[in-house]
Amino acid sequence: MRKTWIAATAVVGAAISFVMLLVVGVYLVAGNLAGGGAVGLAKGAVPAAYQPLVQKWGTLCPAINPALLAAQLYQESGFNPKARSPAKAEGIAQFIPGTWATHGVDGDGDGDRDVWDPNDAIPSAASYDCQLASYVKDAPGNPTENMLAAYNAGAYAVIKYRGVPPYRETRNYVKTITTLAKSFAAPVTRVDPSKQAATAITFAQKKLGTPYLWGGNGTADQGGRFDCSGLTKAAYADAGITLPRVANDQYNAGPHPRRAELLPGDLVFFSDDLTDSRAIRHVGIYVGGGYMIDAPRTGAVIRFDPVDTPDYFGATRVTEDGAKALPTSI
């Protein structure tokens, strides 16, 4: 730890000019970065135990893809196979008993259909999506959006309105899932920089030297102290973006740039399990040059730390729509 701190403090002396030059660079680079589509799943975005199932069944029909299926499972249960809602929806895909009785499939071929078994529930979710897509295949518009609308409002409403019906809840659902899917997809090309990055960095920079507090949100009664995800949440709140409270949910607030593509303002994540974003335990704000600002642990202060450590998991380029798409509770 001593060597890490010595290396980090070498950066602090020129912190203001260093960081601000990097922030300016965000906007200079912006004009040269192209958005792009995505193929496959982002690294670790789906827990390793379910990744093969999501990848396989996410290609069951043209209306779905693995990232979209992953987004639905995350939104429904947070990949929790034991999830149960007050409405009695059950399992990782949150089927209610009546829908499961009609649409549940024996995905693993073991002779039963078990809503609590992801080997059945994930294939059933994909199969149900594709059945809905077939019901509304003649409706004008985007087949995936029509399928999602049918999932939310029923196939009849999509057929009646010849596309996504004019219901606020349904349109919000369609936008939420299609936006959230971007955080589960592996980008094919570089992703656009965040316009709010400079504000988030400036906020975090002003907190350098503040003592760490487990569960800290920076409130007055906490002495303005933060833990890691409390700091990142507050930094982006200062930029007008509301992030979830915990680090593993913050990972889903936007697309995931590769290590070589990091820009100032990206959130960088760390985990002891590099195959599962749900196991993320630490987050910081990248400032460039291989360094982040983070609130590391009890007994330490908010400081610069290197990102290239064995537990580096990946990064997220926060977007306003991506943050809004995250479920408030899972």
Protein backbone atom coordinates (compact mmCIF):
# COMPACT_ATOMS: atom_id res chain seq x y z
CA MET A 1 0.00 0.00 0.00
CA ARG A 2 2.88 2.39 0.83
CA LYS A 3 4.33 2.12 -2.69
CA THR A 4 0.90 2.72 -4.20
CA TRP A 5 0.39 5.85 -2.11
CA ILE A 6 3.84 7.23 -2.94
CA ALA A 7 3.20 6.74 -6.64
CA ALA A 8 -0.20 8.35 -6.37
CA THR A 9 1.00 11.40 -4.48
CA ALA A 10 3.47 12.10 -7.25
CA VAL A 11 0.44 12.87 -9.37
CA VAL A 12 -1.30 15.05 -6.81
CA GLY A 13 1.15 17.95 -7.08
CA ALA A 14 -0.03 18.68 -10.59
CA ALA A 15 -3.58 17.44 -10.01
CA ILE A 16 -5.56 20.47 -11.10
CA SER A 17 -3.79 21.09 -14.41
CA PHE A 18 -3.45 17.35 -15.07
CA VAL A 19 -7.12 16.62 -14.57
CA MET A 20 -8.42 19.67 -16.38
CA LEU A 21 -6.30 18.97 -19.44
CA LEU A 22 -7.73 15.49 -19.52
CA VAL A 23 -11.26 16.79 -19.15
CA VAL A 24 -10.75 19.17 -22.06
CA GLY A 25 -9.50 16.16 -23.98
CA VAL A 26 -12.85 14.46 -23.51
CA TYR A 27 -14.48 17.06 -25.71
CA LEU A 28 -11.65 17.23 -28.22
CA VAL A 29 -11.87 13.49 -28.72
CA ALA A 30 -15.65 13.52 -28.86
CA GLY A 31 -15.79 14.65 -32.45
CA ASN A 32 -13.62 11.72 -33.54
CA LEU A 33 -15.48 8.92 -31.81
CA ALA A 34 -18.19 7.04 -33.62
CA GLY A 35 -21.07 5.30 -31.92
CA GLY A 36 -21.75 1.77 -32.98
CA GLY A 37 -23.84 -1.30 -32.59
CA ALA A 38 -22.89 -4.22 -30.39
CA VAL A 39 -22.49 -7.99 -30.74
CA GLY A 40 -22.27 -10.39 -27.83
CA LEU A 41 -22.16 -9.74 -24.11
CA ALA A 42 -19.89 -7.35 -22.25
CA LYS A 43 -17.23 -8.96 -20.10
CA GLY A 44 -18.70 -10.22 -16.84
CA ALA A 45 -21.98 -8.34 -17.33
CA VAL A 46 -23.88 -11.61 -16.94
CA PRO A 47 -22.78 -13.93 -14.10
CA ALA A 48 -20.60 -16.73 -15.46
CA ALA A 49 -23.12 -19.39 -14.40
CA TYR A 50 -25.75 -17.91 -16.73
CA GLN A 51 -23.64 -16.42 -19.52
CA PRO A 52 -23.76 -19.51 -21.81
CA LEU A 53 -27.54 -19.76 -21.40
CA VAL A 54 -28.10 -16.08 -22.18
CA GLN A 55 -25.72 -16.21 -25.15
CA LYS A 56 -27.38 -19.34 -26.58
CA TRP A 57 -31.05 -18.52 -26.01
CA GLY A 58 -30.61 -14.84 -26.82
CA THR A 59 -30.35 -15.82 -30.48
CA LEU A 60 -33.56 -17.86 -30.54
CA CYS A 61 -35.31 -15.44 -32.93
CA PRO A 62 -34.46 -12.19 -34.74
CA ALA A 63 -36.47 -10.03 -32.31
CA ILE A 64 -34.09 -10.69 -29.42
CA ASN A 65 -30.36 -10.80 -28.81
CA PRO A 66 -28.23 -11.86 -25.83
CA ALA A 67 -27.85 -8.32 -24.49
CA LEU A 68 -31.59 -7.69 -24.62
CA LEU A 69 -32.33 -10.98 -22.85
CA ALA A 70 -29.71 -10.11 -20.21
CA ALA A 71 -31.31 -6.69 -19.71
CA GLN A 72 -34.70 -8.28 -19.11
CA LEU A 73 -33.30 -10.75 -16.57
CA TYR A 74 -31.40 -8.02 -14.74
CA GLN A 75 -34.41 -5.71 -14.70
CA GLU A 76 -36.68 -8.49 -13.47
CA SER A 77 -34.52 -10.10 -10.78
CA GLY A 78 -30.93 -8.87 -10.81
CA PHE A 79 -30.01 -12.42 -11.93
CA ASN A 80 -31.37 -13.81 -8.66
CA PRO A 81 -32.84 -17.30 -9.29
CA LYS A 82 -34.63 -17.19 -5.92
CA ALA A 83 -36.36 -13.84 -6.49
CA ARG A 84 -40.02 -13.61 -5.55
CA SER A 85 -42.10 -10.45 -6.00
CA PRO A 86 -45.17 -9.25 -4.03
CA ALA A 87 -47.18 -10.10 -7.17
CA LYS A 88 -45.95 -13.72 -6.80
CA ALA A 89 -43.67 -13.53 -9.82
CA GLU A 90 -41.01 -16.19 -9.37
CA GLY A 91 -37.43 -16.98 -10.29
CA ILE A 92 -34.72 -15.32 -12.33
CA ALA A 93 -37.18 -14.38 -15.11
CA GLN A 94 -40.06 -13.48 -12.76
CA PHE A 95 -42.83 -15.56 -14.29
CA ILE A 96 -46.21 -15.46 -12.58
CA PRO A 97 -47.67 -18.97 -12.14
CA GLY A 98 -50.30 -18.61 -14.86
CA THR A 99 -47.82 -17.43 -17.48
CA TRP A 100 -45.33 -20.13 -16.47
CA ALA A 101 -48.00 -22.83 -16.81
CA THR A 102 -48.57 -21.75 -20.41
CA HIS A 103 -45.11 -20.64 -21.53
CA GLY A 104 -42.60 -22.44 -19.32
CA VAL A 105 -40.33 -24.85 -21.23
CA ASP A 106 -38.03 -27.70 -20.23
CA GLY A 107 -34.87 -25.92 -21.28
CA ASP A 108 -32.39 -28.50 -20.03
CA GLY A 109 -34.36 -31.57 -21.16
CA ASP A 110 -34.46 -33.17 -17.72
CA GLY A 111 -38.18 -33.92 -17.90
CA ASP A 112 -39.55 -31.08 -15.79
CA ARG A 113 -40.24 -27.36 -16.04
CA ASP A 114 -38.94 -25.63 -12.92
CA VAL A 115 -39.47 -21.88 -12.64
CA TRP A 116 -36.73 -21.74 -9.99
CA ASP A 117 -34.15 -23.37 -12.24
CA PRO A 118 -32.37 -20.88 -14.55
CA ASN A 119 -31.73 -23.75 -16.98
CA ASP A 120 -35.49 -23.75 -17.58
CA ALA A 121 -36.41 -20.15 -16.75
CA ILE A 122 -33.91 -18.42 -19.06
CA PRO A 123 -34.88 -20.51 -22.12
CA SER A 124 -38.52 -19.91 -21.19
CA ALA A 125 -37.99 -16.14 -21.12
CA ALA A 126 -36.42 -16.24 -24.58
CA SER A 127 -39.14 -18.55 -25.89
CA TYR A 128 -41.87 -16.31 -24.49
CA ASP A 129 -40.28 -13.25 -26.12
CA CYS A 130 -40.16 -15.02 -29.46
CA GLN A 131 -43.76 -16.17 -29.18
CA LEU A 132 -44.83 -12.59 -28.51
CA ALA A 133 -42.77 -11.46 -31.49
CA SER A 134 -44.58 -13.96 -33.69
CA TYR A 135 -47.97 -12.68 -32.49
CA VAL A 136 -47.15 -9.11 -33.54
CA LYS A 137 -44.96 -9.85 -36.57
CA ASP A 138 -47.32 -8.07 -38.96
CA ALA A 139 -47.44 -4.85 -36.97
CA PRO A 140 -45.47 -1.96 -38.53
CA GLY A 141 -42.36 -0.72 -36.80
CA ASN A 142 -39.39 -2.24 -35.04
CA PRO A 143 -39.99 -5.96 -34.29
CA THR A 144 -38.02 -5.86 -31.05
CA GLU A 145 -39.85 -2.80 -29.75
CA ASN A 146 -43.18 -4.35 -30.74
CA MET A 147 -42.24 -7.55 -28.90
CA LEU A 148 -41.34 -5.62 -25.75
CA ALA A 149 -44.57 -3.65 -26.00
CA ALA A 150 -46.49 -6.91 -26.27
CA TYR A 151 -44.67 -8.18 -23.18
CA ASN A 152 -45.83 -5.12 -21.25
CA ALA A 153 -49.26 -4.32 -22.70
CA GLY A 154 -50.28 -7.51 -24.49
CA ALA A 155 -50.12 -8.49 -28.14
CA TYR A 156 -53.65 -7.21 -28.83
CA ALA A 157 -52.67 -3.64 -27.93
CA VAL A 158 -49.72 -3.75 -30.34
CA ILE A 159 -51.91 -5.12 -33.13
CA LYS A 160 -54.65 -2.57 -32.39
CA TYR A 161 -52.32 0.42 -32.48
CA ARG A 162 -50.15 -1.01 -35.26
CA GLY A 163 -46.99 -0.77 -33.19
CA VAL A 164 -46.03 0.35 -29.71
CA PRO A 165 -49.29 1.57 -28.13
CA PRO A 166 -49.56 5.13 -26.76
CA TYR A 167 -49.38 4.05 -23.13
CA ARG A 168 -46.78 5.87 -21.05
CA GLU A 169 -45.92 2.77 -19.03
CA THR A 170 -45.43 0.67 -22.16
CA ARG A 171 -43.32 3.25 -23.97
CA ASN A 172 -41.19 3.70 -20.87
CA TYR A 173 -40.74 -0.07 -20.61
CA VAL A 174 -39.63 -0.34 -24.23
CA LYS A 175 -37.14 2.51 -23.81
CA THR A 176 -35.87 1.13 -20.51
CA ILE A 177 -35.08 -2.35 -21.80
CA THR A 178 -33.58 -1.23 -25.11
CA THR A 179 -31.41 1.31 -23.28
CA LEU A 180 -30.41 -1.12 -20.55
CA ALA A 181 -29.45 -3.68 -23.19
CA LYS A 182 -26.59 -1.37 -24.24
CA SER A 183 -24.94 -1.89 -20.86
CA PHE A 184 -24.91 -5.66 -21.37
CA ALA A 185 -23.56 -5.54 -24.92
CA ALA A 186 -19.90 -5.63 -25.86
CA PRO A 187 -19.28 -2.50 -27.98
CA VAL A 188 -17.96 -3.13 -31.47
CA THR A 189 -16.52 0.38 -31.79
CA ARG A 190 -15.49 3.12 -29.40
CA VAL A 191 -18.36 4.57 -27.41
CA ASP A 192 -19.16 8.26 -27.19
CA PRO A 193 -17.70 10.19 -24.24
CA SER A 194 -19.94 11.43 -21.48
CA LYS A 195 -20.82 15.12 -21.57
CA GLN A 196 -21.09 15.09 -17.77
CA ALA A 197 -17.56 13.70 -17.21
CA ALA A 198 -15.91 17.05 -16.45
CA THR A 199 -18.43 17.93 -13.77
CA ALA A 200 -18.11 14.53 -12.09
CA ILE A 201 -14.31 14.74 -12.05
CA THR A 202 -14.34 18.27 -10.68
CA PHE A 203 -16.62 17.19 -7.83
CA ALA A 204 -14.42 14.21 -6.96
CA GLN A 205 -11.27 16.32 -7.19
CA LYS A 206 -12.62 18.74 -4.58
CA LYS A 207 -13.06 15.82 -2.18
CA LEU A 208 -9.40 14.73 -2.28
CA GLY A 209 -8.11 14.20 1.25
CA THR A 210 -11.57 13.57 2.75
CA PRO A 211 -11.56 10.60 5.17
CA TYR A 212 -13.37 7.45 4.07
CA LEU A 213 -16.63 6.42 5.75
CA TRP A 214 -18.33 3.07 5.14
CA GLY A 215 -21.83 3.85 3.85
CA GLY A 216 -20.92 7.52 3.54
CA ASN A 217 -23.01 9.70 1.24
CA GLY A 218 -21.24 12.99 1.99
CA THR A 219 -24.07 14.37 4.13
CA ALA A 220 -23.46 16.94 6.86
CA ASP A 221 -24.23 14.48 9.65
CA GLN A 222 -21.53 12.21 8.18
CA GLY A 223 -18.97 14.99 8.12
CA GLY A 224 -19.07 15.14 4.32
CA ARG A 225 -17.42 11.71 4.11
CA PHE A 226 -17.98 9.01 1.48
CA ASP A 227 -17.39 5.40 0.67
CA CYS A 228 -16.46 4.40 -2.89
CA SER A 229 -19.90 4.22 -4.46
CA GLY A 230 -21.18 7.11 -2.35
CA LEU A 231 -18.49 9.28 -3.94
CA THR A 232 -19.26 8.23 -7.51
CA LYS A 233 -23.00 8.62 -6.92
CA ALA A 234 -22.51 12.14 -5.54
CA ALA A 235 -20.10 13.11 -8.32
CA TYR A 236 -22.58 12.20 -11.04
CA ALA A 237 -25.49 13.68 -9.09
CA ASP A 238 -23.58 16.97 -9.29
CA ALA A 239 -23.67 16.48 -13.06
CA GLY A 240 -27.42 15.84 -13.03
CA ILE A 241 -27.30 12.03 -13.28
CA THR A 242 -28.78 9.79 -10.60
CA LEU A 243 -26.84 6.56 -10.09
CA PRO A 244 -27.81 3.60 -7.91
CA ARG A 245 -26.20 3.47 -4.48
CA VAL A 246 -24.08 0.33 -4.84
CA ALA A 247 -21.13 -0.26 -7.17
CA ASN A 248 -22.37 -3.42 -8.88
CA ASP A 249 -25.51 -1.63 -10.04
CA GLN A 250 -23.56 1.43 -11.14
CA TYR A 251 -21.74 -0.87 -13.58
CA ASN A 252 -24.95 -1.05 -15.64
CA ALA A 253 -25.32 2.73 -16.10
CA GLY A 254 -23.94 2.76 -19.65
CA PRO A 255 -21.75 0.96 -22.21
CA HIS A 256 -18.36 -0.49 -21.34
CA PRO A 257 -15.23 0.90 -23.00
CA ARG A 258 -12.17 -1.31 -23.24
CA ARG A 259 -9.18 -0.55 -21.02
CA ALA A 260 -7.33 1.12 -23.90
CA GLU A 261 -10.35 3.33 -24.59
CA LEU A 262 -10.84 4.79 -21.10
CA LEU A 263 -11.60 8.50 -20.93
CA PRO A 264 -11.73 10.82 -17.91
CA GLY A 265 -15.05 10.45 -16.14
CA ASP A 266 -15.46 6.74 -16.83
CA LEU A 267 -16.30 4.67 -13.77
CA VAL A 268 -13.76 1.91 -13.15
CA PHE A 269 -14.65 -1.22 -11.20
CA PHE A 270 -12.84 -3.86 -9.19
CA SER A 271 -13.82 -7.36 -8.09
CA ASP A 272 -12.43 -10.59 -6.69
CA ASP A 273 -14.55 -12.45 -9.28
CA LEU A 274 -13.77 -11.18 -12.78
CA THR A 275 -16.62 -13.22 -14.30
CA ASP A 276 -19.53 -11.61 -12.46
CA SER A 277 -20.49 -7.93 -12.29
CA ARG A 278 -22.75 -8.73 -9.35
CA ALA A 279 -19.59 -9.41 -7.31
CA ILE A 280 -18.05 -5.94 -7.91
CA ARG A 281 -16.83 -4.50 -4.60
CA HIS A 282 -15.12 -1.19 -5.50
CA VAL A 283 -15.51 1.73 -7.91
CA GLY A 284 -13.58 4.90 -8.75
CA ILE A 285 -13.66 7.74 -11.30
CA TYR A 286 -10.99 7.53 -14.00
CA VAL A 287 -8.96 10.72 -14.51
CA GLY A 288 -6.47 9.54 -17.13
CA GLY A 289 -2.85 8.43 -17.09
CA GLY A 290 -3.80 5.12 -15.50
CA TYR A 291 -5.20 6.78 -12.36
CA MET A 292 -8.58 7.20 -10.70
CA ILE A 293 -9.97 9.21 -7.82
CA ASP A 294 -11.52 6.85 -5.29
CA ALA A 295 -12.49 6.41 -1.66
CA PRO A 296 -10.53 3.22 -1.01
CA ARG A 297 -11.14 1.90 2.50
CA THR A 298 -11.55 2.61 6.19
CA GLY A 299 -8.57 4.51 7.52
CA ALA A 300 -7.71 6.03 4.14
CA VAL A 301 -8.73 9.26 2.42
CA ILE A 302 -10.13 10.04 -0.99
CA ARG A 303 -7.07 10.00 -3.24
CA PHE A 304 -5.52 9.07 -6.58
CA ASP A 305 -4.95 5.34 -7.07
CA PRO A 306 -3.79 3.29 -10.08
CA VAL A 307 -6.41 1.32 -11.99
CA ASP A 308 -4.11 -1.38 -13.38
CA THR A 309 -4.36 -3.90 -10.57
CA PRO A 310 -5.14 -7.64 -10.72
CA ASP A 311 -8.70 -7.05 -9.51
CA TYR A 312 -9.56 -4.52 -12.26
CA PHE A 313 -12.93 -5.65 -13.61
CA GLY A 314 -13.87 -3.12 -16.28
CA ALA A 315 -15.35 0.31 -16.88
CA THR A 316 -18.63 2.06 -17.61
CA ARG A 317 -19.17 5.26 -19.56
CA VAL A 318 -22.13 6.69 -17.69
CA THR A 319 -25.03 8.00 -19.75
CA GLU A 320 -28.13 9.81 -18.55
CA ASP A 321 -30.46 7.36 -20.30
CA GLY A 322 -28.43 4.41 -19.05
CA ALA A 323 -28.74 5.56 -15.45
CA LYS A 324 -32.46 6.24 -15.81
CA ALA A 325 -33.01 2.73 -17.18
CA LEU A 326 -31.68 1.03 -14.05
CA PRO A 327 -34.32 -0.52 -11.79
CA THR A 328 -34.75 1.23 -8.45
CA SER A 329 -34.74 -2.12 -6.66
CA ILE A 330 -33.89 -5.65 -7.75
